[in-house]
Protein backbone atom coordinates (compact mmCIF):
# COMPACT_ATOMS: atom_id res chain seq x y z
CA UNK A 1 150.97 135.43 179.91
CA UNK A 2 151.13 131.73 179.64
CA UNK A 3 147.19 131.76 180.05
CA UNK A 4 146.98 134.42 177.32
CA UNK A 5 149.12 132.20 174.94
CA UNK A 6 147.02 129.13 175.80
CA UNK A 7 143.78 131.05 175.11
CA UNK A 8 145.16 132.43 171.94
CA UNK A 9 146.37 129.01 170.91
CA UNK A 10 142.98 127.48 171.65
CA UNK A 11 141.30 130.33 169.89
CA UNK A 12 143.48 129.83 166.80
CA UNK A 13 142.88 126.05 167.00
CA UNK A 14 139.06 126.62 167.00
CA UNK A 15 139.20 129.04 164.16
CA UNK A 16 141.32 126.75 162.09
CA UNK A 17 139.19 123.82 162.94
CA UNK A 18 135.98 125.84 161.92
CA UNK A 19 137.68 126.77 158.74
CA UNK A 20 138.58 123.17 157.90
CA UNK A 21 135.11 121.97 158.66
CA UNK A 22 133.64 124.86 156.72
CA UNK A 23 136.12 123.99 153.76
CA UNK A 24 135.19 120.26 153.92
CA UNK A 25 131.55 121.21 153.85
CA UNK A 26 132.16 123.48 150.93
CA UNK A 27 133.96 120.74 149.20
CA UNK A 28 131.39 118.20 149.68
CA UNK A 29 128.77 120.66 148.58
CA UNK A 30 130.77 121.47 145.55
CA UNK A 31 131.46 117.79 144.80
CA UNK A 32 127.70 117.12 144.86
CA UNK A 33 126.88 120.02 142.58
CA UNK A 34 129.68 118.78 140.18
CA UNK A 35 128.36 115.28 140.20
CA UNK A 36 124.83 116.54 139.71
CA UNK A 37 125.86 118.61 136.67
CA UNK A 38 128.10 115.91 135.25
CA UNK A 39 125.06 113.37 135.65
CA UNK A 40 122.80 115.69 133.89
CA UNK A 41 125.27 116.35 131.06
CA UNK A 42 125.76 112.60 130.82
CA UNK A 43 122.11 112.06 130.55
CA UNK A 44 121.68 114.73 128.01
CA UNK A 45 124.19 113.17 125.97
CA UNK A 46 122.69 109.79 126.27
CA UNK A 47 119.33 111.14 125.35
CA UNK A 48 120.85 113.05 122.44
CA UNK A 49 122.66 109.80 121.17
CA UNK A 50 119.34 107.85 121.65
CA UNK A 51 117.47 110.31 119.69
CA UNK A 52 120.14 110.19 116.86
CA UNK A 53 120.07 106.44 116.91
CA UNK A 54 116.27 106.61 116.65
CA UNK A 55 116.34 109.21 113.87
CA UNK A 56 118.83 107.15 111.94
CA UNK A 57 116.74 103.93 112.40
CA UNK A 58 113.71 105.78 111.22
CA UNK A 59 115.43 107.29 108.22
CA UNK A 60 116.78 103.74 107.36
CA UNK A 61 113.24 102.12 107.81
CA UNK A 62 111.86 104.94 105.51
CA UNK A 63 114.39 104.23 102.93
CA UNK A 64 113.77 100.55 103.02
CA UNK A 65 109.98 101.16 102.87
CA UNK A 66 110.46 103.35 99.88
CA UNK A 67 112.74 100.76 98.11
CA UNK A 68 110.36 97.90 98.78
CA UNK A 69 107.53 100.02 97.32
CA UNK A 70 109.61 100.69 94.20
CA UNK A 71 110.35 97.05 93.84
CA UNK A 72 106.67 96.20 94.38
CA UNK A 73 105.83 98.55 91.60
CA UNK A 74 108.48 97.03 89.31
CA UNK A 75 107.14 93.50 90.05
CA UNK A 76 103.56 94.71 89.23
CA UNK A 77 104.83 96.30 86.05
CA UNK A 78 106.64 93.03 85.12
CA UNK A 79 103.51 90.91 86.01
CA UNK A 80 101.40 93.24 83.80
CA UNK A 81 103.98 92.91 80.81
CA UNK A 82 103.84 89.02 81.35
CA UNK A 83 99.99 89.13 81.43
CA UNK A 84 99.83 91.29 78.15
CA UNK A 85 102.36 89.00 76.36
CA UNK A 86 100.37 85.97 77.47
CA UNK A 87 97.16 87.34 76.23
CA UNK A 88 98.79 88.44 73.06
CA UNK A 89 100.14 84.97 72.44
CA UNK A 90 96.71 83.51 73.07
CA UNK A 91 95.05 85.83 70.75
CA UNK A 92 97.68 84.92 67.98
CA UNK A 93 97.50 81.29 68.87
CA UNK A 94 93.57 81.48 68.30
CA UNK A 95 93.89 83.45 65.19
CA UNK A 96 95.93 80.58 63.61
CA UNK A 97 93.64 77.86 64.73
C-alpha cells in the first residue's frame, strides 16, 4: 500500500510538474505573441503619426507656397503700377518742356 501511495504521489508530482512546465511554456508563448502584437500596433501608430506629420507639413508648405505666389503677384502688380506712373510722369514732364 505504501508503494502504491508513493507511486501515486510520484505520478501526481510528475503530472503537476508537466502541467506547470506546459503552462509556463504557454505563458511564454502568449507573452511573445502579445509583445509582437503590441510592437506591431505601436509601429502602426508611429507610422500613422509620421504620415500625419508629413501630410500636415506638406499642407503647410503648399499653403506657404501659395501665399508667396500671391505676394509675388502683388509685388509684380505694384511694380507695374509704379512703372506706369513713372512713365506717365516722364511723358507729362516732356510735354511741358
